[in-house]
PDB file of N, CA and C in Angstrom:
ATOM      1  N   MET A   1      13.705   0.679 -13.688  1.00  0.00           N
ATOM      2  CA  MET A   1      12.266   0.747 -13.490  1.00  0.00           C
ATOM      3  C   MET A   1      11.813  -0.420 -12.621  1.00  0.00           C
ATOM      4  N   ALA A   2      10.773  -0.200 -11.829  1.00  0.00           N
ATOM      5  CA  ALA A   2      10.265  -1.222 -10.914  1.00  0.00           C
ATOM      6  C   ALA A   2       9.703  -2.408 -11.692  1.00  0.00           C
ATOM      7  N   THR A   3       9.846  -3.581 -11.109  1.00  0.00           N
ATOM      8  CA  THR A   3       9.233  -4.780 -11.659  1.00  0.00           C
ATOM      9  C   THR A   3       8.147  -5.213 -10.693  1.00  0.00           C
ATOM     10  N   ILE A   4       6.916  -5.062 -11.124  1.00  0.00           N
ATOM     11  CA  ILE A   4       5.770  -5.389 -10.281  1.00  0.00           C
ATOM     12  C   ILE A   4       5.266  -6.781 -10.644  1.00  0.00           C
ATOM     13  N   PRO A   5       4.962  -7.607  -9.657  1.00  0.00           N
ATOM     14  CA  PRO A   5       4.389  -8.921  -9.955  1.00  0.00           C
ATOM     15  C   PRO A   5       3.099  -8.775 -10.750  1.00  0.00           C
ATOM     16  N   PRO A   6       2.867  -9.639 -11.735  1.00  0.00           N
ATOM     17  CA  PRO A   6       1.681  -9.515 -12.583  1.00  0.00           C
ATOM     18  C   PRO A   6       0.368  -9.719 -11.831  1.00  0.00           C
ATOM     19  N   ASP A   7       0.399 -10.394 -10.687  1.00  0.00           N
ATOM     20  CA  ASP A   7      -0.827 -10.644  -9.937  1.00  0.00           C
ATOM     21  C   ASP A   7      -1.051  -9.598  -8.840  1.00  0.00           C
ATOM     22  N   ALA A   8      -0.638  -8.368  -9.102  1.00  0.00           N
ATOM     23  CA  ALA A   8      -0.797  -7.272  -8.140  1.00  0.00           C
ATOM     24  C   ALA A   8      -1.661  -6.172  -8.756  1.00  0.00           C
ATOM     25  N   PRO A   9      -2.985  -6.366  -8.795  1.00  0.00           N
ATOM     26  CA  PRO A   9      -3.861  -5.391  -9.445  1.00  0.00           C
ATOM     27  C   PRO A   9      -3.980  -4.064  -8.715  1.00  0.00           C
ATOM     28  N   PHE A  10      -3.431  -3.969  -7.495  1.00  0.00           N
ATOM     29  CA  PHE A  10      -3.513  -2.726  -6.717  1.00  0.00           C
ATOM     30  C   PHE A  10      -2.270  -1.865  -6.902  1.00  0.00           C
ATOM     31  N   LEU A  11      -1.366  -2.261  -7.800  1.00  0.00           N
ATOM     32  CA  LEU A  11      -0.138  -1.509  -8.075  1.00  0.00           C
ATOM     33  C   LEU A  11      -0.127  -1.036  -9.523  1.00  0.00           C
ATOM     34  N   ARG A  12       0.371   0.190  -9.743  1.00  0.00           N
ATOM     35  CA  ARG A  12       0.516   0.728 -11.102  1.00  0.00           C
ATOM     36  C   ARG A  12       1.814   1.508 -11.202  1.00  0.00           C
ATOM     37  N   ILE A  13       2.537   1.296 -12.286  1.00  0.00           N
ATOM     38  CA  ILE A  13       3.765   2.059 -12.532  1.00  0.00           C
ATOM     39  C   ILE A  13       3.427   3.281 -13.371  1.00  0.00           C
ATOM     40  N   GLU A  14       3.886   4.452 -12.932  1.00  0.00           N
ATOM     41  CA  GLU A  14       3.707   5.668 -13.714  1.00  0.00           C
ATOM     42  C   GLU A  14       4.867   5.808 -14.696  1.00  0.00           C
ATOM     43  N   LYS A  15       4.721   6.697 -15.662  1.00  0.00           N
ATOM     44  CA  LYS A  15       5.751   6.879 -16.698  1.00  0.00           C
ATOM     45  C   LYS A  15       7.103   7.262 -16.122  1.00  0.00           C
ATOM     46  N   ASN A  16       7.102   7.998 -15.002  1.00  0.00           N
ATOM     47  CA  ASN A  16       8.376   8.426 -14.409  1.00  0.00           C
ATOM     48  C   ASN A  16       9.016   7.349 -13.530  1.00  0.00           C
ATOM     49  N   GLY A  17       8.351   6.183 -13.403  1.00  0.00           N
ATOM     50  CA  GLY A  17       8.902   5.087 -12.611  1.00  0.00           C
ATOM     51  C   GLY A  17       8.341   4.996 -11.203  1.00  0.00           C
ATOM     52  N   ASP A  18       7.600   6.018 -10.757  1.00  0.00           N
ATOM     53  CA  ASP A  18       6.937   5.931  -9.457  1.00  0.00           C
ATOM     54  C   ASP A  18       5.895   4.818  -9.504  1.00  0.00           C
ATOM     55  N   VAL A  19       5.600   4.229  -8.355  1.00  0.00           N
ATOM     56  CA  VAL A  19       4.578   3.185  -8.278  1.00  0.00           C
ATOM     57  C   VAL A  19       3.447   3.677  -7.386  1.00  0.00           C
ATOM     58  N   LEU A  20       2.217   3.585  -7.897  1.00  0.00           N
ATOM     59  CA  LEU A  20       1.035   3.943  -7.120  1.00  0.00           C
ATOM     60  C   LEU A  20       0.479   2.678  -6.477  1.00  0.00           C
ATOM     61  N   VAL A  21       0.155   2.788  -5.194  1.00  0.00           N
ATOM     62  CA  VAL A  21      -0.380   1.663  -4.430  1.00  0.00           C
ATOM     63  C   VAL A  21      -1.767   2.053  -3.938  1.00  0.00           C
ATOM     64  N   ASP A  22      -2.793   1.293  -4.349  1.00  0.00           N
ATOM     65  CA  ASP A  22      -4.158   1.532  -3.895  1.00  0.00           C
ATOM     66  C   ASP A  22      -4.428   0.652  -2.684  1.00  0.00           C
ATOM     67  N   VAL A  23      -4.937   1.271  -1.608  1.00  0.00           N
ATOM     68  CA  VAL A  23      -5.158   0.564  -0.345  1.00  0.00           C
ATOM     69  C   VAL A  23      -6.543   0.907   0.200  1.00  0.00           C
ATOM     70  N   HIS A  24      -7.232  -0.109   0.707  1.00  0.00           N
ATOM     71  CA  HIS A  24      -8.482   0.082   1.448  1.00  0.00           C
ATOM     72  C   HIS A  24      -8.170  -0.263   2.896  1.00  0.00           C
ATOM     73  N   VAL A  25      -8.259   0.726   3.781  1.00  0.00           N
ATOM     74  CA  VAL A  25      -7.844   0.572   5.173  1.00  0.00           C
ATOM     75  C   VAL A  25      -9.041   0.262   6.067  1.00  0.00           C
ATOM     76  N   VAL A  26      -8.848  -0.710   6.961  1.00  0.00           N
ATOM     77  CA  VAL A  26      -9.821  -1.021   8.005  1.00  0.00           C
ATOM     78  C   VAL A  26      -9.131  -0.724   9.336  1.00  0.00           C
ATOM     79  N   PRO A  27      -9.445   0.425   9.969  1.00  0.00           N
ATOM     80  CA  PRO A  27      -8.767   0.804  11.219  1.00  0.00           C
ATOM     81  C   PRO A  27      -9.298   0.035  12.425  1.00  0.00           C
ATOM     82  N   ASN A  28      -8.612   0.198  13.551  1.00  0.00           N
ATOM     83  CA  ASN A  28      -8.993  -0.406  14.831  1.00  0.00           C
ATOM     84  C   ASN A  28      -8.978  -1.929  14.817  1.00  0.00           C
ATOM     85  N   ALA A  29      -8.084  -2.536  14.071  1.00  0.00           N
ATOM     86  CA  ALA A  29      -7.985  -3.997  14.009  1.00  0.00           C
ATOM     87  C   ALA A  29      -7.144  -4.516  15.172  1.00  0.00           C
ATOM     88  N   ALA A  30      -7.247  -5.810  15.412  1.00  0.00           N
ATOM     89  CA  ALA A  30      -6.460  -6.431  16.475  1.00  0.00           C
ATOM     90  C   ALA A  30      -4.972  -6.366  16.160  1.00  0.00           C
ATOM     91  N   LYS A  31      -4.628  -6.505  14.874  1.00  0.00           N
ATOM     92  CA  LYS A  31      -3.232  -6.347  14.451  1.00  0.00           C
ATOM     93  C   LYS A  31      -3.186  -5.873  13.013  1.00  0.00           C
ATOM     94  N   THR A  32      -2.065  -5.294  12.633  1.00  0.00           N
ATOM     95  CA  THR A  32      -1.908  -4.782  11.272  1.00  0.00           C
ATOM     96  C   THR A  32      -1.528  -5.934  10.357  1.00  0.00           C
ATOM     97  N   GLN A  33      -2.360  -6.135   9.318  1.00  0.00           N
ATOM     98  CA  GLN A  33      -2.089  -7.214   8.373  1.00  0.00           C
ATOM     99  C   GLN A  33      -2.913  -7.045   7.095  1.00  0.00           C
ATOM    100  N   PRO A  34      -2.353  -7.481   5.964  1.00  0.00           N
ATOM    101  CA  PRO A  34      -3.134  -7.484   4.733  1.00  0.00           C
ATOM    102  C   PRO A  34      -4.126  -8.646   4.785  1.00  0.00           C
ATOM    103  N   VAL A  35      -5.330  -8.424   4.267  1.00  0.00           N
ATOM    104  CA  VAL A  35      -6.351  -9.471   4.337  1.00  0.00           C
ATOM    105  C   VAL A  35      -6.963  -9.792   2.978  1.00  0.00           C
ATOM    106  N   GLY A  36      -6.349  -9.341   1.910  1.00  0.00           N
ATOM    107  CA  GLY A  36      -6.863  -9.651   0.574  1.00  0.00           C
ATOM    108  C   GLY A  36      -7.034  -8.404  -0.263  1.00  0.00           C
ATOM    109  N   LEU A  37      -7.975  -8.480  -1.182  1.00  0.00           N
ATOM    110  CA  LEU A  37      -8.248  -7.375  -2.094  1.00  0.00           C
ATOM    111  C   LEU A  37      -9.650  -6.845  -1.841  1.00  0.00           C
ATOM    112  N   HIS A  38      -9.884  -5.595  -2.238  1.00  0.00           N
ATOM    113  CA  HIS A  38     -11.173  -4.947  -2.038  1.00  0.00           C
ATOM    114  C   HIS A  38     -11.537  -4.176  -3.300  1.00  0.00           C
ATOM    115  N   GLY A  39     -12.798  -4.292  -3.712  1.00  0.00           N
ATOM    116  CA  GLY A  39     -13.266  -3.504  -4.847  1.00  0.00           C
ATOM    117  C   GLY A  39     -13.636  -4.350  -6.038  1.00  0.00           C
ATOM    118  N   GLU A  40     -13.928  -3.659  -7.124  1.00  0.00           N
ATOM    119  CA  GLU A  40     -14.333  -4.280  -8.377  1.00  0.00           C
ATOM    120  C   GLU A  40     -13.121  -4.512  -9.268  1.00  0.00           C
ATOM    121  N   PRO A  41     -13.175  -5.514 -10.146  1.00  0.00           N
ATOM    122  CA  PRO A  41     -12.066  -5.697 -11.100  1.00  0.00           C
ATOM    123  C   PRO A  41     -11.790  -4.399 -11.864  1.00  0.00           C
ATOM    124  N   GLY A  42     -10.528  -4.077 -12.005  1.00  0.00           N
ATOM    125  CA  GLY A  42     -10.126  -2.832 -12.648  1.00  0.00           C
ATOM    126  C   GLY A  42      -9.944  -1.700 -11.645  1.00  0.00           C
ATOM    127  N   GLN A  43     -10.480  -1.860 -10.439  1.00  0.00           N
ATOM    128  CA  GLN A  43     -10.351  -0.849  -9.392  1.00  0.00           C
ATOM    129  C   GLN A  43     -10.034  -1.496  -8.053  1.00  0.00           C
ATOM    130  N   LEU A  44      -9.259  -2.564  -8.080  1.00  0.00           N
ATOM    131  CA  LEU A  44      -8.947  -3.291  -6.853  1.00  0.00           C
ATOM    132  C   LEU A  44      -7.928  -2.558  -6.000  1.00  0.00           C
ATOM    133  N   ALA A  45      -8.079  -2.716  -4.696  1.00  0.00           N
ATOM    134  CA  ALA A  45      -7.149  -2.138  -3.728  1.00  0.00           C
ATOM    135  C   ALA A  45      -6.734  -3.235  -2.758  1.00  0.00           C
ATOM    136  N   LEU A  46      -5.557  -3.087  -2.193  1.00  0.00           N
ATOM    137  CA  LEU A  46      -5.106  -3.967  -1.131  1.00  0.00           C
ATOM    138  C   LEU A  46      -5.940  -3.671   0.111  1.00  0.00           C
ATOM    139  N   ARG A  47      -6.588  -4.681   0.665  1.00  0.00           N
ATOM    140  CA  ARG A  47      -7.371  -4.504   1.905  1.00  0.00           C
ATOM    141  C   ARG A  47      -6.424  -4.757   3.073  1.00  0.00           C
ATOM    142  N   LEU A  48      -6.269  -3.732   3.911  1.00  0.00           N
ATOM    143  CA  LEU A  48      -5.305  -3.790   5.002  1.00  0.00           C
ATOM    144  C   LEU A  48      -5.969  -3.429   6.318  1.00  0.00           C
ATOM    145  N   ARG A  49      -5.870  -4.341   7.282  1.00  0.00           N
ATOM    146  CA  ARG A  49      -6.330  -4.027   8.638  1.00  0.00           C
ATOM    147  C   ARG A  49      -5.196  -3.311   9.355  1.00  0.00           C
ATOM    148  N   LEU A  50      -5.521  -2.173   9.970  1.00  0.00           N
ATOM    149  CA  LEU A  50      -4.532  -1.381  10.711  1.00  0.00           C
ATOM    150  C   LEU A  50      -4.874  -1.374  12.195  1.00  0.00           C
ATOM    151  N   GLN A  51      -3.865  -1.555  13.028  1.00  0.00           N
ATOM    152  CA  GLN A  51      -4.053  -1.637  14.472  1.00  0.00           C
ATOM    153  C   GLN A  51      -4.065  -0.252  15.131  1.00  0.00           C
ATOM    154  N   VAL A  52      -4.552   0.740  14.455  1.00  0.00           N
ATOM    155  CA  VAL A  52      -4.624   2.089  15.021  1.00  0.00           C
ATOM    156  C   VAL A  52      -5.972   2.707  14.682  1.00  0.00           C
ATOM    157  N   PRO A  53      -6.431   3.654  15.508  1.00  0.00           N
ATOM    158  CA  PRO A  53      -7.675   4.348  15.199  1.00  0.00           C
ATOM    159  C   PRO A  53      -7.431   5.436  14.151  1.00  0.00           C
ATOM    160  N   PRO A  54      -8.485   5.814  13.414  1.00  0.00           N
ATOM    161  CA  PRO A  54      -8.342   6.874  12.412  1.00  0.00           C
ATOM    162  C   PRO A  54      -8.427   8.252  13.048  1.00  0.00           C
ATOM    163  N   VAL A  55      -7.483   8.565  13.928  1.00  0.00           N
ATOM    164  CA  VAL A  55      -7.509   9.819  14.683  1.00  0.00           C
ATOM    165  C   VAL A  55      -6.221  10.604  14.421  1.00  0.00           C
ATOM    166  N   ASP A  56      -6.363  11.888  14.105  1.00  0.00           N
ATOM    167  CA  ASP A  56      -5.218  12.797  13.947  1.00  0.00           C
ATOM    168  C   ASP A  56      -4.141  12.279  12.989  1.00  0.00           C
ATOM    169  N   GLY A  57      -4.530  11.583  11.935  1.00  0.00           N
ATOM    170  CA  GLY A  57      -3.560  11.109  10.947  1.00  0.00           C
ATOM    171  C   GLY A  57      -2.755   9.899  11.379  1.00  0.00           C
ATOM    172  N   LYS A  58      -3.083   9.314  12.534  1.00  0.00           N
ATOM    173  CA  LYS A  58      -2.324   8.162  13.024  1.00  0.00           C
ATOM    174  C   LYS A  58      -2.417   6.969  12.070  1.00  0.00           C
ATOM    175  N   ALA A  59      -3.583   6.760  11.474  1.00  0.00           N
ATOM    176  CA  ALA A  59      -3.749   5.648  10.545  1.00  0.00           C
ATOM    177  C   ALA A  59      -2.882   5.849   9.298  1.00  0.00           C
ATOM    178  N   ASN A  60      -2.823   7.077   8.797  1.00  0.00           N
ATOM    179  CA  ASN A  60      -1.986   7.353   7.625  1.00  0.00           C
ATOM    180  C   ASN A  60      -0.515   7.128   7.940  1.00  0.00           C
ATOM    181  N   GLN A  61      -0.070   7.568   9.112  1.00  0.00           N
ATOM    182  CA  GLN A  61       1.322   7.364   9.509  1.00  0.00           C
ATOM    183  C   GLN A  61       1.626   5.879   9.665  1.00  0.00           C
ATOM    184  N   ALA A  62       0.692   5.136  10.276  1.00  0.00           N
ATOM    185  CA  ALA A  62       0.886   3.699  10.460  1.00  0.00           C
ATOM    186  C   ALA A  62       0.910   2.978   9.116  1.00  0.00           C
ATOM    187  N   LEU A  63       0.072   3.408   8.184  1.00  0.00           N
ATOM    188  CA  LEU A  63       0.038   2.807   6.851  1.00  0.00           C
ATOM    189  C   LEU A  63       1.378   3.010   6.142  1.00  0.00           C
ATOM    190  N   ILE A  64       1.904   4.211   6.171  1.00  0.00           N
ATOM    191  CA  ILE A  64       3.193   4.491   5.524  1.00  0.00           C
ATOM    192  C   ILE A  64       4.306   3.691   6.191  1.00  0.00           C
ATOM    193  N   ARG A  65       4.287   3.627   7.518  1.00  0.00           N
ATOM    194  CA  ARG A  65       5.290   2.837   8.245  1.00  0.00           C
ATOM    195  C   ARG A  65       5.228   1.361   7.842  1.00  0.00           C
ATOM    196  N   TRP A  66       4.006   0.800   7.797  1.00  0.00           N
ATOM    197  CA  TRP A  66       3.823  -0.611   7.446  1.00  0.00           C
ATOM    198  C   TRP A  66       4.290  -0.880   6.018  1.00  0.00           C
ATOM    199  N   LEU A  67       3.878  -0.021   5.081  1.00  0.00           N
ATOM    200  CA  LEU A  67       4.248  -0.236   3.679  1.00  0.00           C
ATOM    201  C   LEU A  67       5.761  -0.130   3.491  1.00  0.00           C
ATOM    202  N   ALA A  68       6.381   0.862   4.115  1.00  0.00           N
ATOM    203  CA  ALA A  68       7.840   1.020   4.012  1.00  0.00           C
ATOM    204  C   ALA A  68       8.549  -0.215   4.554  1.00  0.00           C
ATOM    205  N   HIS A  69       8.088  -0.710   5.696  1.00  0.00           N
ATOM    206  CA  HIS A  69       8.692  -1.913   6.286  1.00  0.00           C
ATOM    207  C   HIS A  69       8.485  -3.125   5.374  1.00  0.00           C
ATOM    208  N   SER A  70       7.270  -3.286   4.844  1.00  0.00           N
ATOM    209  CA  SER A  70       6.950  -4.432   3.982  1.00  0.00           C
ATOM    210  C   SER A  70       7.786  -4.439   2.700  1.00  0.00           C
ATOM    211  N   LEU A  71       8.039  -3.244   2.161  1.00  0.00           N
ATOM    212  CA  LEU A  71       8.792  -3.141   0.905  1.00  0.00           C
ATOM    213  C   LEU A  71      10.292  -3.022   1.127  1.00  0.00           C
ATOM    214  N   GLY A  72      10.701  -2.739   2.369  1.00  0.00           N
ATOM    215  CA  GLY A  72      12.121  -2.557   2.648  1.00  0.00           C
ATOM    216  C   GLY A  72      12.663  -1.261   2.072  1.00  0.00           C
ATOM    217  N   VAL A  73      11.842  -0.207   2.143  1.00  0.00           N
ATOM    218  CA  VAL A  73      12.252   1.108   1.633  1.00  0.00           C
ATOM    219  C   VAL A  73      12.095   2.139   2.757  1.00  0.00           C
ATOM    220  N   PRO A  74      12.756   3.305   2.647  1.00  0.00           N
ATOM    221  CA  PRO A  74      12.595   4.339   3.678  1.00  0.00           C
ATOM    222  C   PRO A  74      11.191   4.951   3.647  1.00  0.00           C
ATOM    223  N   GLN A  75      10.713   5.338   4.817  1.00  0.00           N
ATOM    224  CA  GLN A  75       9.373   5.939   4.906  1.00  0.00           C
ATOM    225  C   GLN A  75       9.256   7.210   4.074  1.00  0.00           C
ATOM    226  N   ASN A  76      10.335   7.973   3.971  1.00  0.00           N
ATOM    227  CA  ASN A  76      10.253   9.236   3.229  1.00  0.00           C
ATOM    228  C   ASN A  76      10.153   9.023   1.720  1.00  0.00           C
ATOM    229  N   ALA A  77      10.250   7.777   1.258  1.00  0.00           N
ATOM    230  CA  ALA A  77      10.082   7.474  -0.168  1.00  0.00           C
ATOM    231  C   ALA A  77       8.614   7.222  -0.515  1.00  0.00           C
ATOM    232  N   ILE A  78       7.744   7.238   0.505  1.00  0.00           N
ATOM    233  CA  ILE A  78       6.318   6.972   0.304  1.00  0.00           C
ATOM    234  C   ILE A  78       5.532   8.220   0.680  1.00  0.00           C
ATOM    235  N   THR A  79       4.690   8.675  -0.245  1.00  0.00           N
ATOM    236  CA  THR A  79       3.884   9.864   0.012  1.00  0.00           C
ATOM    237  C   THR A  79       2.420   9.581  -0.303  1.00  0.00           C
ATOM    238  N   PRO A  80       1.515  10.163   0.484  1.00  0.00           N
ATOM    239  CA  PRO A  80       0.090  10.014   0.175  1.00  0.00           C
ATOM    240  C   PRO A  80      -0.267  10.813  -1.069  1.00  0.00           C
ATOM    241  N   VAL A  81      -1.104  10.234  -1.921  1.00  0.00           N
ATOM    242  CA  VAL A  81      -1.566  10.924  -3.123  1.00  0.00           C
ATOM    243  C   VAL A  81      -2.995  11.404  -2.930  1.00  0.00           C
ATOM    244  N   ARG A  82      -3.836  10.497  -2.425  1.00  0.00           N
ATOM    245  CA  ARG A  82      -5.234  10.876  -2.169  1.00  0.00           C
ATOM    246  C   ARG A  82      -5.830   9.977  -1.096  1.00  0.00           C
ATOM    247  N   GLY A  83      -6.936  10.450  -0.516  1.00  0.00           N
ATOM    248  CA  GLY A  83      -7.673   9.659   0.455  1.00  0.00           C
ATOM    249  C   GLY A  83      -7.202   9.780   1.884  1.00  0.00           C
ATOM    250  N   GLU A  84      -6.566  10.895   2.241  1.00  0.00           N
ATOM    251  CA  GLU A  84      -6.027  11.018   3.597  1.00  0.00           C
ATOM    252  C   GLU A  84      -7.098  10.903   4.675  1.00  0.00           C
ATOM    253  N   THR A  85      -8.348  11.260   4.370  1.00  0.00           N
ATOM    254  CA  THR A  85      -9.405  11.170   5.374  1.00  0.00           C
ATOM    255  C   THR A  85     -10.440  10.092   5.046  1.00  0.00           C
ATOM    256  N   SER A  86     -10.168   9.247   4.073  1.00  0.00           N
ATOM    257  CA  SER A  86     -11.109   8.171   3.739  1.00  0.00           C
ATOM    258  C   SER A  86     -10.428   6.815   3.891  1.00  0.00           C
ATOM    259  N   ARG A  87     -11.211   5.771   3.779  1.00  0.00           N
ATOM    260  CA  ARG A  87     -10.639   4.423   3.886  1.00  0.00           C
ATOM    261  C   ARG A  87      -9.863   4.044   2.627  1.00  0.00           C
ATOM    262  N   ARG A  88     -10.301   4.546   1.493  1.00  0.00           N
ATOM    263  CA  ARG A  88      -9.628   4.253   0.230  1.00  0.00           C
ATOM    264  C   ARG A  88      -8.499   5.264   0.055  1.00  0.00           C
ATOM    265  N   LYS A  89      -7.288   4.765  -0.038  1.00  0.00           N
ATOM    266  CA  LYS A  89      -6.113   5.634  -0.109  1.00  0.00           C
ATOM    267  C   LYS A  89      -5.244   5.243  -1.299  1.00  0.00           C
ATOM    268  N   GLN A  90      -4.465   6.191  -1.741  1.00  0.00           N
ATOM    269  CA  GLN A  90      -3.475   5.912  -2.781  1.00  0.00           C
ATOM    270  C   GLN A  90      -2.152   6.508  -2.321  1.00  0.00           C
ATOM    271  N   LEU A  91      -1.117   5.696  -2.391  1.00  0.00           N
ATOM    272  CA  LEU A  91       0.216   6.117  -1.977  1.00  0.00           C
ATOM    273  C   LEU A  91       1.162   6.022  -3.160  1.00  0.00           C
ATOM    274  N   ARG A  92       2.181   6.872  -3.156  1.00  0.00           N
ATOM    275  CA  ARG A  92       3.189   6.858  -4.218  1.00  0.00           C
ATOM    276  C   ARG A  92       4.516   6.424  -3.618  1.00  0.00           C
ATOM    277  N   VAL A  93       5.132   5.416  -4.260  1.00  0.00           N
ATOM    278  CA  VAL A  93       6.485   4.985  -3.897  1.00  0.00           C
ATOM    279  C   VAL A  93       7.395   5.568  -4.961  1.00  0.00           C
ATOM    280  N   SER A  94       8.376   6.360  -4.537  1.00  0.00           N
ATOM    281  CA  SER A  94       9.218   7.068  -5.502  1.00  0.00           C
ATOM    282  C   SER A  94      10.021   6.104  -6.365  1.00  0.00           C
ATOM    283  N   ALA A  95      10.243   6.518  -7.593  1.00  0.00           N
ATOM    284  CA  ALA A  95      10.984   5.703  -8.555  1.00  0.00           C
ATOM    285  C   ALA A  95      12.389   5.387  -8.059  1.00  0.00           C
ATOM    286  N   ALA A  96      12.954   6.282  -7.262  1.00  0.00           N
ATOM    287  CA  ALA A  96      14.323   6.092  -6.772  1.00  0.00           C
ATOM    288  C   ALA A  96      14.474   4.808  -5.962  1.00  0.00           C
ATOM    289  N   VAL A  97      13.414   4.392  -5.271  1.00  0.00           N
ATOM    290  CA  VAL A  97      13.494   3.163  -4.473  1.00  0.00           C
ATOM    291  C   VAL A  97      12.603   2.042  -5.011  1.00  0.00           C
ATOM    292  N   ALA A  98      11.668   2.375  -5.888  1.00  0.00           N
ATOM    293  CA  ALA A  98      10.697   1.390  -6.373  1.00  0.00           C
ATOM    294  C   ALA A  98      11.364   0.204  -7.067  1.00  0.00           C
ATOM    295  N   SER A  99      12.472   0.453  -7.744  1.00  0.00           N
ATOM    296  CA  SER A  99      13.125  -0.632  -8.481  1.00  0.00           C
ATOM    297  C   SER A  99      13.767  -1.666  -7.564  1.00  0.00           C
ATOM    298  N   ARG A 100      14.027  -1.297  -6.310  1.00  0.00           N
ATOM    299  CA  ARG A 100      14.625  -2.269  -5.391  1.00  0.00           C
ATOM    300  C   ARG A 100      13.688  -2.664  -4.254  1.00  0.00           C
ATOM    301  N   ALA A 101      12.427  -2.260  -4.340  1.00  0.00           N
ATOM    302  CA  ALA A 101      11.446  -2.609  -3.308  1.00  0.00           C
ATOM    303  C   ALA A 101      11.065  -4.080  -3.418  1.00  0.00           C
ATOM    304  N   ALA A 102      10.645  -4.648  -2.304  1.00  0.00           N
ATOM    305  CA  ALA A 102      10.287  -6.073  -2.231  1.00  0.00           C
ATOM    306  C   ALA A 102       8.823  -6.278  -2.610  1.00  0.00           C
ATOM    307  N   TRP A 103       8.482  -6.008  -3.867  1.00  0.00           N
ATOM    308  CA  TRP A 103       7.095  -6.130  -4.333  1.00  0.00           C
ATOM    309  C   TRP A 103       6.608  -7.564  -4.216  1.00  0.00           C
ATOM    310  N   ASP A 104       7.469  -8.526  -4.549  1.00  0.00           N
ATOM    311  CA  ASP A 104       7.070  -9.936  -4.469  1.00  0.00           C
ATOM    312  C   ASP A 104       6.702 -10.312  -3.039  1.00  0.00           C
ATOM    313  N   ASP A 105       7.472  -9.804  -2.063  1.00  0.00           N
ATOM    314  CA  ASP A 105       7.184 -10.092  -0.656  1.00  0.00           C
ATOM    315  C   ASP A 105       5.828  -9.512  -0.245  1.00  0.00           C
ATOM    316  N   LEU A 106       5.531  -8.312  -0.720  1.00  0.00           N
ATOM    317  CA  LEU A 106       4.256  -7.676  -0.401  1.00  0.00           C
ATOM    318  C   LEU A 106       3.102  -8.500  -0.955  1.00  0.00           C
ATOM    319  N   VAL A 107       3.196  -8.895  -2.214  1.00  0.00           N
ATOM    320  CA  VAL A 107       2.124  -9.669  -2.844  1.00  0.00           C
ATOM    321  C   VAL A 107       1.998 -11.042  -2.183  1.00  0.00           C
ATOM    322  N   ALA A 108       3.106 -11.654  -1.815  1.00  0.00           N
ATOM    323  CA  ALA A 108       3.077 -12.970  -1.171  1.00  0.00           C
ATOM    324  C   ALA A 108       2.407 -12.921   0.208  1.00  0.00           C
ATOM    325  N   ALA A 109       2.436 -11.757   0.859  1.00  0.00           N
ATOM    326  CA  ALA A 109       1.846 -11.629   2.197  1.00  0.00           C
ATOM    327  C   ALA A 109       0.317 -11.522   2.167  1.00  0.00           C
ATOM    328  N   ILE A 110      -0.255 -11.346   0.977  1.00  0.00           N
ATOM    329  CA  ILE A 110      -1.693 -11.162   0.850  1.00  0.00           C
ATOM    330  C   ILE A 110      -2.368 -12.527   0.733  1.00  0.00           C
ATOM    331  N   PRO A 111      -3.303 -12.830   1.644  1.00  0.00           N
ATOM    332  CA  PRO A 111      -4.004 -14.114   1.542  1.00  0.00           C
ATOM    333  C   PRO A 111      -4.854 -14.175   0.283  1.00  0.00           C
ATOM    334  N   SER A 112      -4.929 -15.333  -0.314  1.00  0.00           N
ATOM    335  CA  SER A 112      -5.784 -15.523  -1.495  1.00  0.00           C
ATOM    336  C   SER A 112      -7.236 -15.547  -1.059  1.00  0.00           C
ATOM    337  N   SER A 113      -8.066 -14.914  -1.844  1.00  0.00           N
ATOM    338  CA  SER A 113      -9.501 -14.877  -1.495  1.00  0.00           C
ATOM    339  C   SER A 113     -10.201 -16.106  -1.995  1.00  0.00           C
TER     340      SER A 113
END
């Protein structure tokens, strides 16, 4: 089963071992980078600036590519759950790779607010 850092309020482990990642996307940024957290306590999401426009699913593809690279997992292990056309998105990282994903690296890359 995945081991998620305790200071990652935007991550949740499901009973089957999959990990849900809540993300708030800001498209058309100068570069792709995490910039902190977004939302209210209990409903926090990773705030991520994406260097692509929200056109024809390009932002969703870029988000999956970035997350897969950040976690060191294959892109096909990450699937969108909800929010494909909104800024607030939820992605699922399959249990098969979640246990070896670099969760600590992802959390460490987020600037403290």
